[in-house]
Amino acid sequence: MPAPASSPNAIEIRGLTKTYAAAGKAPAKHALKGLDLAIPAGSIFGLLGPNGAGKSTTINILAGLVRKSAGQVTIWGFDQDVNPRQSRAAIGVMPQELNIDPFLTPRASLEVQAGLYGVPKRERWTDELLELVGLTDQAESYSRHLSGGMKRRLLLAKALVHRPQILVLDEPTAGVDIQLREMLWRNVRRLNDQGMTIILTTHYLEEAEEMCDRIAIIDHGALILCEDTAALLGRADSKTLVVDTGEGRALPALPEGVRAERRGDGRLALSYAPSRIPADRLIDALREAGLAIRDVAVEAPDLEDVFVQLTSRPAPQPG
């Protein structure tokens, strides 16, 4: 799957705006406010934000389900306004909602979906898709008899019927079991290794931290930050110094801004801002207080810490 010739990006968004008109007593809602975003071809890209940040609106615009108010969207080199059919064919979306016809079998669902995309019968890969998502044994069962996990597998297969260059996963692991989660990520990595661009929204921030090469955080319809995951994690000005003092003595006086607690295993955990207080200053303070230091470890922040720091809002909760 070669990158679009005109750009190294799979998707380019410029000045994307969406305003939902006032309805009754409800005022107009500005869901997106001039969003600019570039998603590199071949990447696994995380789109994160609190509830109501504008993630779903962005995805629905990319999928052609919602009309934007203003701005430009280019998908795989195709301007969405000039070439709507080509831009739509370049992207597959696995929605969060289980929107599956209960009276169709998985095989029939995939055949219908392929027909909607105009995939010639000789180019369809229904059997391979059923095997890919682990639904071969249920291929002829009515979808209404499938478990929730099996329906999610079918949604993934439906998103892939037309062999898109870009796959969007909207909260793909919400409420699923460990087995399905592992299957999903195994397939995502395989597809990405083959060149497919993956866009992920999730409330499981540890998944985004583990899976994504690059992450954008949006809030109130605007881009807060977009960086490589490693650089993003380095933005949080907080670390935790974990010290084994070998005894349960009272906590010593510490520099202002340091939070201290005794963990269940007896170790002392000191949370501090490296930009203001170096770790060796904390160690010196412990030694001056007469504490014997047997072991020291430094814990780096995770994506949830960065998320809260950048949005000043609690991290979204899964489920």
C-alpha atoms as a PDB file:
ATOM      1  CA  MET A   1       0.000   0.000   0.000  1.00  0.00           C
ATOM      2  CA  PRO A   2       2.167   2.922  -1.186  1.00  0.00           C
ATOM      3  CA  ALA A   3       1.726   6.344   0.372  1.00  0.00           C
ATOM      4  CA  PRO A   4      -0.183   8.946  -1.637  1.00  0.00           C
ATOM      5  CA  ALA A   5       2.207  10.442  -4.157  1.00  0.00           C
ATOM      6  CA  SER A   6       1.572  14.066  -3.202  1.00  0.00           C
ATOM      7  CA  SER A   7       2.121  13.777   0.553  1.00  0.00           C
ATOM      8  CA  PRO A   8       3.730  11.628   3.262  1.00  0.00           C
ATOM      9  CA  ASN A   9       0.448  11.829   5.157  1.00  0.00           C
ATOM     10  CA  ALA A  10      -2.494   9.466   4.917  1.00  0.00           C
ATOM     11  CA  ILE A  11      -4.868  12.181   6.125  1.00  0.00           C
ATOM     12  CA  GLU A  12      -4.510  15.954   6.217  1.00  0.00           C
ATOM     13  CA  ILE A  13      -7.067  18.120   8.011  1.00  0.00           C
ATOM     14  CA  ARG A  14      -6.959  21.909   7.785  1.00  0.00           C
ATOM     15  CA  GLY A  15      -9.261  24.324   9.595  1.00  0.00           C
ATOM     16  CA  LEU A  16     -11.900  21.656  10.188  1.00  0.00           C
ATOM     17  CA  THR A  17     -14.993  23.199  11.741  1.00  0.00           C
ATOM     18  CA  LYS A  18     -18.310  21.663  12.670  1.00  0.00           C
ATOM     19  CA  THR A  19     -21.193  23.559  14.218  1.00  0.00           C
ATOM     20  CA  TYR A  20     -24.443  21.818  15.025  1.00  0.00           C
ATOM     21  CA  ALA A  21     -27.357  24.207  14.635  1.00  0.00           C
ATOM     22  CA  ALA A  22     -29.474  25.252  17.582  1.00  0.00           C
ATOM     23  CA  ALA A  23     -32.455  22.990  18.205  1.00  0.00           C
ATOM     24  CA  GLY A  24     -35.324  24.187  20.361  1.00  0.00           C
ATOM     25  CA  LYS A  25     -33.899  25.622  23.562  1.00  0.00           C
ATOM     26  CA  ALA A  26     -30.517  23.997  22.969  1.00  0.00           C
ATOM     27  CA  PRO A  27     -27.951  26.505  21.650  1.00  0.00           C
ATOM     28  CA  ALA A  28     -25.704  25.868  18.672  1.00  0.00           C
ATOM     29  CA  LYS A  29     -22.847  23.492  19.490  1.00  0.00           C
ATOM     30  CA  HIS A  30     -19.337  24.111  18.173  1.00  0.00           C
ATOM     31  CA  ALA A  31     -18.007  20.551  18.036  1.00  0.00           C
ATOM     32  CA  LEU A  32     -14.830  21.356  16.059  1.00  0.00           C
ATOM     33  CA  LYS A  33     -13.087  24.729  16.010  1.00  0.00           C
ATOM     34  CA  GLY A  34     -10.576  24.951  13.178  1.00  0.00           C
ATOM     35  CA  LEU A  35      -8.866  21.608  13.748  1.00  0.00           C
ATOM     36  CA  ASP A  36      -5.533  21.075  11.961  1.00  0.00           C
ATOM     37  CA  LEU A  37      -4.135  17.548  11.897  1.00  0.00           C
ATOM     38  CA  ALA A  38      -1.708  15.481   9.815  1.00  0.00           C
ATOM     39  CA  ILE A  39      -1.702  11.691  10.160  1.00  0.00           C
ATOM     40  CA  PRO A  40       1.425  10.045   8.691  1.00  0.00           C
ATOM     41  CA  ALA A  41       0.948   7.202   6.226  1.00  0.00           C
ATOM     42  CA  GLY A  42       1.840   3.824   7.710  1.00  0.00           C
ATOM     43  CA  SER A  43       1.546   4.962  11.316  1.00  0.00           C
ATOM     44  CA  ILE A  44      -0.585   3.832  14.234  1.00  0.00           C
ATOM     45  CA  PHE A  45      -2.080   7.149  15.274  1.00  0.00           C
ATOM     46  CA  GLY A  46      -3.953   7.805  18.508  1.00  0.00           C
ATOM     47  CA  LEU A  47      -6.740  10.394  18.628  1.00  0.00           C
ATOM     48  CA  LEU A  48      -7.450  11.077  22.289  1.00  0.00           C
ATOM     49  CA  GLY A  49      -9.513  13.515  24.288  1.00  0.00           C
ATOM     50  CA  PRO A  50     -12.094  13.785  27.063  1.00  0.00           C
ATOM     51  CA  ASN A  51     -15.719  12.910  26.399  1.00  0.00           C
ATOM     52  CA  GLY A  52     -17.226  15.546  24.126  1.00  0.00           C
ATOM     53  CA  ALA A  53     -13.831  16.704  22.853  1.00  0.00           C
ATOM     54  CA  GLY A  54     -14.761  16.214  19.183  1.00  0.00           C
ATOM     55  CA  LYS A  55     -13.234  12.799  18.444  1.00  0.00           C
ATOM     56  CA  SER A  56     -16.435  11.170  17.200  1.00  0.00           C
ATOM     57  CA  THR A  57     -17.340  14.189  15.092  1.00  0.00           C
ATOM     58  CA  THR A  58     -13.904  14.074  13.463  1.00  0.00           C
ATOM     59  CA  ILE A  59     -14.234  10.366  12.697  1.00  0.00           C
ATOM     60  CA  ASN A  60     -17.751  10.766  11.323  1.00  0.00           C
ATOM     61  CA  ILE A  61     -16.558  13.530   9.003  1.00  0.00           C
ATOM     62  CA  LEU A  62     -13.674  11.354   7.790  1.00  0.00           C
ATOM     63  CA  ALA A  63     -16.125   8.513   7.168  1.00  0.00           C
ATOM     64  CA  GLY A  64     -18.457  10.769   5.210  1.00  0.00           C
ATOM     65  CA  LEU A  65     -21.270  10.356   7.727  1.00  0.00           C
ATOM     66  CA  VAL A  66     -21.313  13.986   8.902  1.00  0.00           C
ATOM     67  CA  ARG A  67     -20.943  17.072   6.718  1.00  0.00           C
ATOM     68  CA  LYS A  68     -18.336  19.557   7.912  1.00  0.00           C
ATOM     69  CA  SER A  69     -19.164  23.235   8.329  1.00  0.00           C
ATOM     70  CA  ALA A  70     -15.814  24.459   7.002  1.00  0.00           C
ATOM     71  CA  GLY A  71     -12.255  23.344   6.361  1.00  0.00           C
ATOM     72  CA  GLN A  72     -10.452  20.891   4.108  1.00  0.00           C
ATOM     73  CA  VAL A  73     -10.063  17.132   4.485  1.00  0.00           C
ATOM     74  CA  THR A  74      -7.681  15.155   2.272  1.00  0.00           C
ATOM     75  CA  ILE A  75      -7.717  11.358   2.538  1.00  0.00           C
ATOM     76  CA  TRP A  76      -4.977   9.392   0.767  1.00  0.00           C
ATOM     77  CA  GLY A  77      -4.366  12.318  -1.560  1.00  0.00           C
ATOM     78  CA  PHE A  78      -8.043  12.847  -2.412  1.00  0.00           C
ATOM     79  CA  ASP A  79      -9.831  16.037  -1.417  1.00  0.00           C
ATOM     80  CA  GLN A  80     -13.035  14.945   0.269  1.00  0.00           C
ATOM     81  CA  ASP A  81     -15.058  17.654  -1.498  1.00  0.00           C
ATOM     82  CA  VAL A  82     -13.583  17.121  -4.965  1.00  0.00           C
ATOM     83  CA  ASN A  83     -13.253  13.308  -4.883  1.00  0.00           C
ATOM     84  CA  PRO A  84     -15.730  12.061  -2.263  1.00  0.00           C
ATOM     85  CA  ARG A  85     -15.949   8.530  -3.656  1.00  0.00           C
ATOM     86  CA  GLN A  86     -12.192   7.959  -3.806  1.00  0.00           C
ATOM     87  CA  SER A  87     -11.591   9.454  -0.379  1.00  0.00           C
ATOM     88  CA  ARG A  88     -14.338   7.303   1.110  1.00  0.00           C
ATOM     89  CA  ALA A  89     -12.924   4.160  -0.520  1.00  0.00           C
ATOM     90  CA  ALA A  90      -9.520   4.801   1.068  1.00  0.00           C
ATOM     91  CA  ILE A  91     -10.849   4.505   4.608  1.00  0.00           C
ATOM     92  CA  GLY A  92     -12.555   1.770   6.620  1.00  0.00           C
ATOM     93  CA  VAL A  93     -14.225   2.461   9.957  1.00  0.00           C
ATOM     94  CA  MET A  94     -14.891   0.043  12.796  1.00  0.00           C
ATOM     95  CA  PRO A  95     -17.537   1.934  14.796  1.00  0.00           C
ATOM     96  CA  GLN A  96     -18.104   1.668  18.504  1.00  0.00           C
ATOM     97  CA  GLU A  97     -21.804   0.918  18.020  1.00  0.00           C
ATOM     98  CA  LEU A  98     -22.814  -2.648  17.130  1.00  0.00           C
ATOM     99  CA  ASN A  99     -24.713  -1.663  13.977  1.00  0.00           C
ATOM    100  CA  ILE A 100     -25.136  -5.104  12.426  1.00  0.00           C
ATOM    101  CA  ASP A 101     -28.169  -6.498  10.595  1.00  0.00           C
ATOM    102  CA  PRO A 102     -29.405  -9.269  12.930  1.00  0.00           C
ATOM    103  CA  PHE A 103     -30.972 -11.210  10.055  1.00  0.00           C
ATOM    104  CA  LEU A 104     -27.800 -11.558   8.003  1.00  0.00           C
ATOM    105  CA  THR A 105     -25.055 -14.098   8.542  1.00  0.00           C
ATOM    106  CA  PRO A 106     -21.465 -12.857   8.874  1.00  0.00           C
ATOM    107  CA  ARG A 107     -20.757 -14.098   5.369  1.00  0.00           C
ATOM    108  CA  ALA A 108     -23.783 -12.294   3.965  1.00  0.00           C
ATOM    109  CA  SER A 109     -22.909  -9.113   5.881  1.00  0.00           C
ATOM    110  CA  LEU A 110     -19.462  -9.047   4.318  1.00  0.00           C
ATOM    111  CA  GLU A 111     -20.810  -9.735   0.839  1.00  0.00           C
ATOM    112  CA  VAL A 112     -23.368  -6.929   1.164  1.00  0.00           C
ATOM    113  CA  GLN A 113     -20.710  -4.548   2.467  1.00  0.00           C
ATOM    114  CA  ALA A 114     -18.389  -5.436  -0.409  1.00  0.00           C
ATOM    115  CA  GLY A 115     -21.225  -4.793  -2.842  1.00  0.00           C
ATOM    116  CA  LEU A 116     -21.856  -1.359  -1.342  1.00  0.00           C
ATOM    117  CA  TYR A 117     -18.216  -0.486  -2.024  1.00  0.00           C
ATOM    118  CA  GLY A 118     -18.420  -1.843  -5.548  1.00  0.00           C
ATOM    119  CA  VAL A 119     -15.857  -4.584  -4.977  1.00  0.00           C
ATOM    120  CA  PRO A 120     -16.029  -7.043  -7.932  1.00  0.00           C
ATOM    121  CA  LYS A 121     -16.818 -10.603  -6.858  1.00  0.00           C
ATOM    122  CA  ARG A 122     -13.520 -11.902  -8.187  1.00  0.00           C
ATOM    123  CA  GLU A 123     -11.671  -9.459  -5.876  1.00  0.00           C
ATOM    124  CA  ARG A 124     -13.588 -10.212  -2.700  1.00  0.00           C
ATOM    125  CA  TRP A 125     -11.805 -11.933   0.183  1.00  0.00           C
ATOM    126  CA  THR A 126     -14.711 -12.935   2.384  1.00  0.00           C
ATOM    127  CA  ASP A 127     -13.298 -16.302   3.457  1.00  0.00           C
ATOM    128  CA  GLU A 128      -9.940 -14.777   4.352  1.00  0.00           C
ATOM    129  CA  LEU A 129     -11.637 -12.049   6.391  1.00  0.00           C
ATOM    130  CA  LEU A 130     -13.742 -14.557   8.299  1.00  0.00           C
ATOM    131  CA  GLU A 131     -10.592 -16.484   9.136  1.00  0.00           C
ATOM    132  CA  LEU A 132      -8.702 -13.307  10.041  1.00  0.00           C
ATOM    133  CA  VAL A 133     -11.252 -12.330  12.698  1.00  0.00           C
ATOM    134  CA  GLY A 134     -11.989 -15.865  13.875  1.00  0.00           C
ATOM    135  CA  LEU A 135     -15.547 -16.176  12.559  1.00  0.00           C
ATOM    136  CA  THR A 136     -15.169 -19.064  10.119  1.00  0.00           C
ATOM    137  CA  ASP A 137     -17.187 -21.417  12.331  1.00  0.00           C
ATOM    138  CA  GLN A 138     -19.975 -18.820  12.680  1.00  0.00           C
ATOM    139  CA  ALA A 139     -19.990 -17.746   9.029  1.00  0.00           C
ATOM    140  CA  GLU A 140     -23.504 -19.095   8.399  1.00  0.00           C
ATOM    141  CA  SER A 141     -25.073 -18.210  11.766  1.00  0.00           C
ATOM    142  CA  TYR A 142     -27.517 -15.335  11.950  1.00  0.00           C
ATOM    143  CA  SER A 143     -25.808 -12.304  13.451  1.00  0.00           C
ATOM    144  CA  ARG A 144     -28.483 -11.987  16.117  1.00  0.00           C
ATOM    145  CA  HIS A 145     -27.111 -15.180  17.654  1.00  0.00           C
ATOM    146  CA  LEU A 146     -23.545 -13.875  17.880  1.00  0.00           C
ATOM    147  CA  SER A 147     -22.061 -12.747  21.182  1.00  0.00           C
ATOM    148  CA  GLY A 148     -21.039  -9.130  21.650  1.00  0.00           C
ATOM    149  CA  GLY A 149     -17.412 -10.058  21.092  1.00  0.00           C
ATOM    150  CA  MET A 150     -18.209 -11.881  17.854  1.00  0.00           C
ATOM    151  CA  LYS A 151     -20.171  -8.874  16.624  1.00  0.00           C
ATOM    152  CA  ARG A 152     -17.121  -6.687  17.208  1.00  0.00           C
ATOM    153  CA  ARG A 153     -15.041  -9.144  15.183  1.00  0.00           C
ATOM    154  CA  LEU A 154     -17.578  -8.825  12.382  1.00  0.00           C
ATOM    155  CA  LEU A 155     -17.380  -5.027  12.534  1.00  0.00           C
ATOM    156  CA  LEU A 156     -13.626  -5.248  12.004  1.00  0.00           C
ATOM    157  CA  ALA A 157     -14.094  -7.532   9.013  1.00  0.00           C
ATOM    158  CA  LYS A 158     -16.723  -5.199   7.516  1.00  0.00           C
ATOM    159  CA  ALA A 159     -14.303  -2.286   7.801  1.00  0.00           C
ATOM    160  CA  LEU A 160     -11.749  -4.242   5.753  1.00  0.00           C
ATOM    161  CA  VAL A 161     -13.881  -5.652   2.905  1.00  0.00           C
ATOM    162  CA  HIS A 162     -12.719  -3.053   0.363  1.00  0.00           C
ATOM    163  CA  ARG A 163      -9.046  -3.286   1.386  1.00  0.00           C
ATOM    164  CA  PRO A 164      -8.753   0.324   2.569  1.00  0.00           C
ATOM    165  CA  GLN A 165      -5.418   2.053   3.018  1.00  0.00           C
ATOM    166  CA  ILE A 166      -6.621   3.542   6.320  1.00  0.00           C
ATOM    167  CA  LEU A 167      -8.432   1.774   9.172  1.00  0.00           C
ATOM    168  CA  VAL A 168     -10.204   3.757  11.893  1.00  0.00           C
ATOM    169  CA  LEU A 169     -10.918   1.964  15.171  1.00  0.00           C
ATOM    170  CA  ASP A 170     -13.397   3.847  17.362  1.00  0.00           C
ATOM    171  CA  GLU A 171     -13.165   2.520  20.936  1.00  0.00           C
ATOM    172  CA  PRO A 172     -12.548  -1.021  19.591  1.00  0.00           C
ATOM    173  CA  THR A 173     -11.929  -2.718  22.957  1.00  0.00           C
ATOM    174  CA  ALA A 174     -14.675  -1.078  25.018  1.00  0.00           C
ATOM    175  CA  GLY A 175     -16.319  -3.823  27.045  1.00  0.00           C
ATOM    176  CA  VAL A 176     -14.537  -6.747  25.360  1.00  0.00           C
ATOM    177  CA  ASP A 177     -12.738  -9.668  26.975  1.00  0.00           C
ATOM    178  CA  ILE A 178      -8.987 -10.194  27.069  1.00  0.00           C
ATOM    179  CA  GLN A 179      -9.018 -12.833  24.315  1.00  0.00           C
ATOM    180  CA  LEU A 180     -10.764 -10.537  21.850  1.00  0.00           C
ATOM    181  CA  ARG A 181      -8.530  -7.629  22.802  1.00  0.00           C
ATOM    182  CA  GLU A 182      -5.407  -9.679  22.110  1.00  0.00           C
ATOM    183  CA  MET A 183      -6.840 -10.877  18.790  1.00  0.00           C
ATOM    184  CA  LEU A 184      -7.663  -7.335  17.770  1.00  0.00           C
ATOM    185  CA  TRP A 185      -4.230  -5.908  18.556  1.00  0.00           C
ATOM    186  CA  ARG A 186      -2.514  -8.868  16.901  1.00  0.00           C
ATOM    187  CA  ASN A 187      -4.455  -8.166  13.700  1.00  0.00           C
ATOM    188  CA  VAL A 188      -3.876  -4.423  13.961  1.00  0.00           C
ATOM    189  CA  ARG A 189      -0.121  -4.914  14.169  1.00  0.00           C
ATOM    190  CA  ARG A 190      -0.212  -7.343  11.252  1.00  0.00           C
ATOM    191  CA  LEU A 191      -2.191  -4.914   9.093  1.00  0.00           C
ATOM    192  CA  ASN A 192       0.113  -2.055  10.052  1.00  0.00           C
ATOM    193  CA  ASP A 193       3.169  -4.163   9.196  1.00  0.00           C
ATOM    194  CA  GLN A 194       1.622  -4.589   5.740  1.00  0.00           C
ATOM    195  CA  GLY A 195       1.475  -0.800   5.347  1.00  0.00           C
ATOM    196  CA  MET A 196      -2.015   0.061   6.543  1.00  0.00           C
ATOM    197  CA  THR A 197      -2.449   3.315   8.457  1.00  0.00           C
ATOM    198  CA  ILE A 198      -4.325   2.811  11.736  1.00  0.00           C
ATOM    199  CA  ILE A 199      -6.240   5.532  13.592  1.00  0.00           C
ATOM    200  CA  LEU A 200      -7.282   4.638  17.124  1.00  0.00           C
ATOM    201  CA  THR A 201      -9.572   6.300  19.630  1.00  0.00           C
ATOM    202  CA  THR A 202      -9.694   4.686  23.047  1.00  0.00           C
ATOM    203  CA  HIS A 203     -10.436   5.380  26.699  1.00  0.00           C
ATOM    204  CA  TYR A 204      -7.782   2.801  27.629  1.00  0.00           C
ATOM    205  CA  LEU A 205      -4.827   5.166  27.680  1.00  0.00           C
ATOM    206  CA  GLU A 206      -2.362   2.365  28.368  1.00  0.00           C
ATOM    207  CA  GLU A 207      -3.382   0.837  25.021  1.00  0.00           C
ATOM    208  CA  ALA A 208      -2.665   4.076  23.200  1.00  0.00           C
ATOM    209  CA  GLU A 209       0.672   4.370  24.970  1.00  0.00           C
ATOM    210  CA  GLU A 210       1.647   0.845  23.943  1.00  0.00           C
ATOM    211  CA  MET A 211       0.251   0.796  20.403  1.00  0.00           C
ATOM    212  CA  CYS A 212       0.581   4.286  18.948  1.00  0.00           C
ATOM    213  CA  ASP A 213       3.578   5.831  17.189  1.00  0.00           C
ATOM    214  CA  ARG A 214       2.052   9.288  17.396  1.00  0.00           C
ATOM    215  CA  ILE A 215      -0.767  10.780  19.470  1.00  0.00           C
ATOM    216  CA  ALA A 216      -2.993  13.837  19.123  1.00  0.00           C
ATOM    217  CA  ILE A 217      -4.954  15.157  22.085  1.00  0.00           C
ATOM    218  CA  ILE A 218      -7.983  17.319  21.349  1.00  0.00           C
ATOM    219  CA  ASP A 219     -10.242  19.129  23.783  1.00  0.00           C
ATOM    220  CA  HIS A 220     -13.255  21.382  23.255  1.00  0.00           C
ATOM    221  CA  GLY A 221     -12.976  20.825  19.505  1.00  0.00           C
ATOM    222  CA  ALA A 222      -9.402  22.096  19.199  1.00  0.00           C
ATOM    223  CA  LEU A 223      -6.000  20.456  18.956  1.00  0.00           C
ATOM    224  CA  ILE A 224      -4.063  20.620  22.221  1.00  0.00           C
ATOM    225  CA  LEU A 225      -0.975  18.798  21.037  1.00  0.00           C
ATOM    226  CA  CYS A 226       0.226  16.257  18.453  1.00  0.00           C
ATOM    227  CA  GLU A 227       3.559  14.502  18.972  1.00  0.00           C
ATOM    228  CA  ASP A 228       5.380  11.206  18.770  1.00  0.00           C
ATOM    229  CA  THR A 229       4.389   9.107  21.776  1.00  0.00           C
ATOM    230  CA  ALA A 230       7.858   9.136  23.327  1.00  0.00           C
ATOM    231  CA  ALA A 231       8.091  12.932  23.108  1.00  0.00           C
ATOM    232  CA  LEU A 232       4.598  13.308  24.522  1.00  0.00           C
ATOM    233  CA  LEU A 233       5.421  11.181  27.546  1.00  0.00           C
ATOM    234  CA  GLY A 234       8.476  13.339  28.147  1.00  0.00           C
ATOM    235  CA  ARG A 235       6.301  16.439  28.510  1.00  0.00           C
ATOM    236  CA  ALA A 236       4.924  15.555  31.923  1.00  0.00           C
ATOM    237  CA  ASP A 237       6.950  17.422  34.522  1.00  0.00           C
ATOM    238  CA  SER A 238       6.496  14.778  37.175  1.00  0.00           C
ATOM    239  CA  LYS A 239       8.359  11.721  38.365  1.00  0.00           C
ATOM    240  CA  THR A 240       8.219   9.489  41.400  1.00  0.00           C
ATOM    241  CA  LEU A 241      11.309   8.585  43.378  1.00  0.00           C
ATOM    242  CA  VAL A 242      10.754   5.256  45.144  1.00  0.00           C
ATOM    243  CA  VAL A 243      13.145   4.659  48.029  1.00  0.00           C
ATOM    244  CA  ASP A 244      13.632   1.589  50.210  1.00  0.00           C
ATOM    245  CA  THR A 245      14.700   2.976  53.578  1.00  0.00           C
ATOM    246  CA  GLY A 246      14.352  -0.355  55.346  1.00  0.00           C
ATOM    247  CA  GLU A 247      12.387   1.131  58.223  1.00  0.00           C
ATOM    248  CA  GLY A 248       9.063   2.776  58.910  1.00  0.00           C
ATOM    249  CA  ARG A 249      10.263   6.018  60.463  1.00  0.00           C
ATOM    250  CA  ALA A 250       8.236   9.211  60.227  1.00  0.00           C
ATOM    251  CA  LEU A 251       8.513  11.137  56.983  1.00  0.00           C
ATOM    252  CA  PRO A 252      11.242  13.798  57.060  1.00  0.00           C
ATOM    253  CA  ALA A 253      10.838  17.436  56.067  1.00  0.00           C
ATOM    254  CA  LEU A 254      11.022  17.676  52.280  1.00  0.00           C
ATOM    255  CA  PRO A 255      11.328  20.528  49.759  1.00  0.00           C
ATOM    256  CA  GLU A 256       8.134  22.403  48.969  1.00  0.00           C
ATOM    257  CA  GLY A 257       6.102  20.801  46.194  1.00  0.00           C
ATOM    258  CA  VAL A 258       7.130  17.220  46.981  1.00  0.00           C
ATOM    259  CA  ARG A 259       4.364  14.745  47.857  1.00  0.00           C
ATOM    260  CA  ALA A 260       5.386  11.778  49.979  1.00  0.00           C
ATOM    261  CA  GLU A 261       3.653   8.573  51.007  1.00  0.00           C
ATOM    262  CA  ARG A 262       4.499   5.171  52.412  1.00  0.00           C
ATOM    263  CA  ARG A 263       3.471   2.368  50.104  1.00  0.00           C
ATOM    264  CA  GLY A 264       2.106  -0.942  51.279  1.00  0.00           C
ATOM    265  CA  ASP A 265       5.508  -2.588  50.914  1.00  0.00           C
ATOM    266  CA  GLY A 266       7.062   0.011  53.218  1.00  0.00           C
ATOM    267  CA  ARG A 267       8.885   1.912  50.480  1.00  0.00           C
ATOM    268  CA  LEU A 268       8.783   5.692  50.432  1.00  0.00           C
ATOM    269  CA  ALA A 269       7.328   7.271  47.268  1.00  0.00           C
ATOM    270  CA  LEU A 270       8.223  10.897  46.568  1.00  0.00           C
ATOM    271  CA  SER A 271       6.410  12.665  43.707  1.00  0.00           C
ATOM    272  CA  TYR A 272       8.265  15.695  42.381  1.00  0.00           C
ATOM    273  CA  ALA A 273       8.774  18.003  39.379  1.00  0.00           C
ATOM    274  CA  PRO A 274      12.222  17.362  37.834  1.00  0.00           C
ATOM    275  CA  SER A 275      12.337  20.863  36.341  1.00  0.00           C
ATOM    276  CA  ARG A 276      12.296  22.385  39.834  1.00  0.00           C
ATOM    277  CA  ILE A 277      13.734  19.744  42.149  1.00  0.00           C
ATOM    278  CA  PRO A 278      16.544  17.369  41.110  1.00  0.00           C
ATOM    279  CA  ALA A 279      16.361  13.813  42.403  1.00  0.00           C
ATOM    280  CA  ASP A 280      19.710  14.035  44.186  1.00  0.00           C
ATOM    281  CA  ARG A 281      18.333  16.870  46.311  1.00  0.00           C
ATOM    282  CA  LEU A 282      15.603  14.545  47.574  1.00  0.00           C
ATOM    283  CA  ILE A 283      18.100  11.804  48.317  1.00  0.00           C
ATOM    284  CA  ASP A 284      20.265  14.279  50.234  1.00  0.00           C
ATOM    285  CA  ALA A 285      17.221  15.335  52.280  1.00  0.00           C
ATOM    286  CA  LEU A 286      16.527  11.716  53.232  1.00  0.00           C
ATOM    287  CA  ARG A 287      20.126  11.102  54.229  1.00  0.00           C
ATOM    288  CA  GLU A 288      20.238  14.298  56.285  1.00  0.00           C
ATOM    289  CA  ALA A 289      17.155  13.040  58.125  1.00  0.00           C
ATOM    290  CA  GLY A 290      19.102   9.924  59.093  1.00  0.00           C
ATOM    291  CA  LEU A 291      17.317   7.473  56.805  1.00  0.00           C
ATOM    292  CA  ALA A 292      19.346   4.558  55.458  1.00  0.00           C
ATOM    293  CA  ILE A 293      18.817   4.255  51.702  1.00  0.00           C
ATOM    294  CA  ARG A 294      18.958   0.643  50.536  1.00  0.00           C
ATOM    295  CA  ASP A 295      17.527   1.001  47.043  1.00  0.00           C
ATOM    296  CA  VAL A 296      16.301   3.780  44.754  1.00  0.00           C
ATOM    297  CA  ALA A 297      14.129   3.674  41.628  1.00  0.00           C
ATOM    298  CA  VAL A 298      12.567   6.387  39.478  1.00  0.00           C
ATOM    299  CA  GLU A 299       9.104   5.904  37.974  1.00  0.00           C
ATOM    300  CA  ALA A 300       8.354   7.904  34.826  1.00  0.00           C
ATOM    301  CA  PRO A 301       4.882   9.306  34.120  1.00  0.00           C
ATOM    302  CA  ASP A 302       2.446   7.447  31.904  1.00  0.00           C
ATOM    303  CA  LEU A 303       0.054   8.749  29.280  1.00  0.00           C
ATOM    304  CA  GLU A 304      -2.705   9.330  31.839  1.00  0.00           C
ATOM    305  CA  ASP A 305      -0.448  11.749  33.731  1.00  0.00           C
ATOM    306  CA  VAL A 306       0.256  13.664  30.523  1.00  0.00           C
ATOM    307  CA  PHE A 307      -3.414  13.655  29.530  1.00  0.00           C
ATOM    308  CA  VAL A 308      -4.537  15.157  32.833  1.00  0.00           C
ATOM    309  CA  GLN A 309      -1.744  17.732  32.768  1.00  0.00           C
ATOM    310  CA  LEU A 310      -2.552  18.911  29.235  1.00  0.00           C
ATOM    311  CA  THR A 311      -6.349  18.962  29.475  1.00  0.00           C
ATOM    312  CA  SER A 312      -6.703  19.795  33.188  1.00  0.00           C
ATOM    313  CA  ARG A 313      -9.492  17.227  33.181  1.00  0.00           C
ATOM    314  CA  PRO A 314      -9.708  13.681  34.566  1.00  0.00           C
ATOM    315  CA  ALA A 315      -8.677  10.938  32.197  1.00  0.00           C
ATOM    316  CA  PRO A 316     -11.655   9.304  30.424  1.00  0.00           C
ATOM    317  CA  GLN A 317     -12.889   6.114  32.010  1.00  0.00           C
ATOM    318  CA  PRO A 318     -13.262   2.907  29.956  1.00  0.00           C
ATOM    319  CA  GLY A 319     -16.691   1.424  29.481  1.00  0.00           C
END
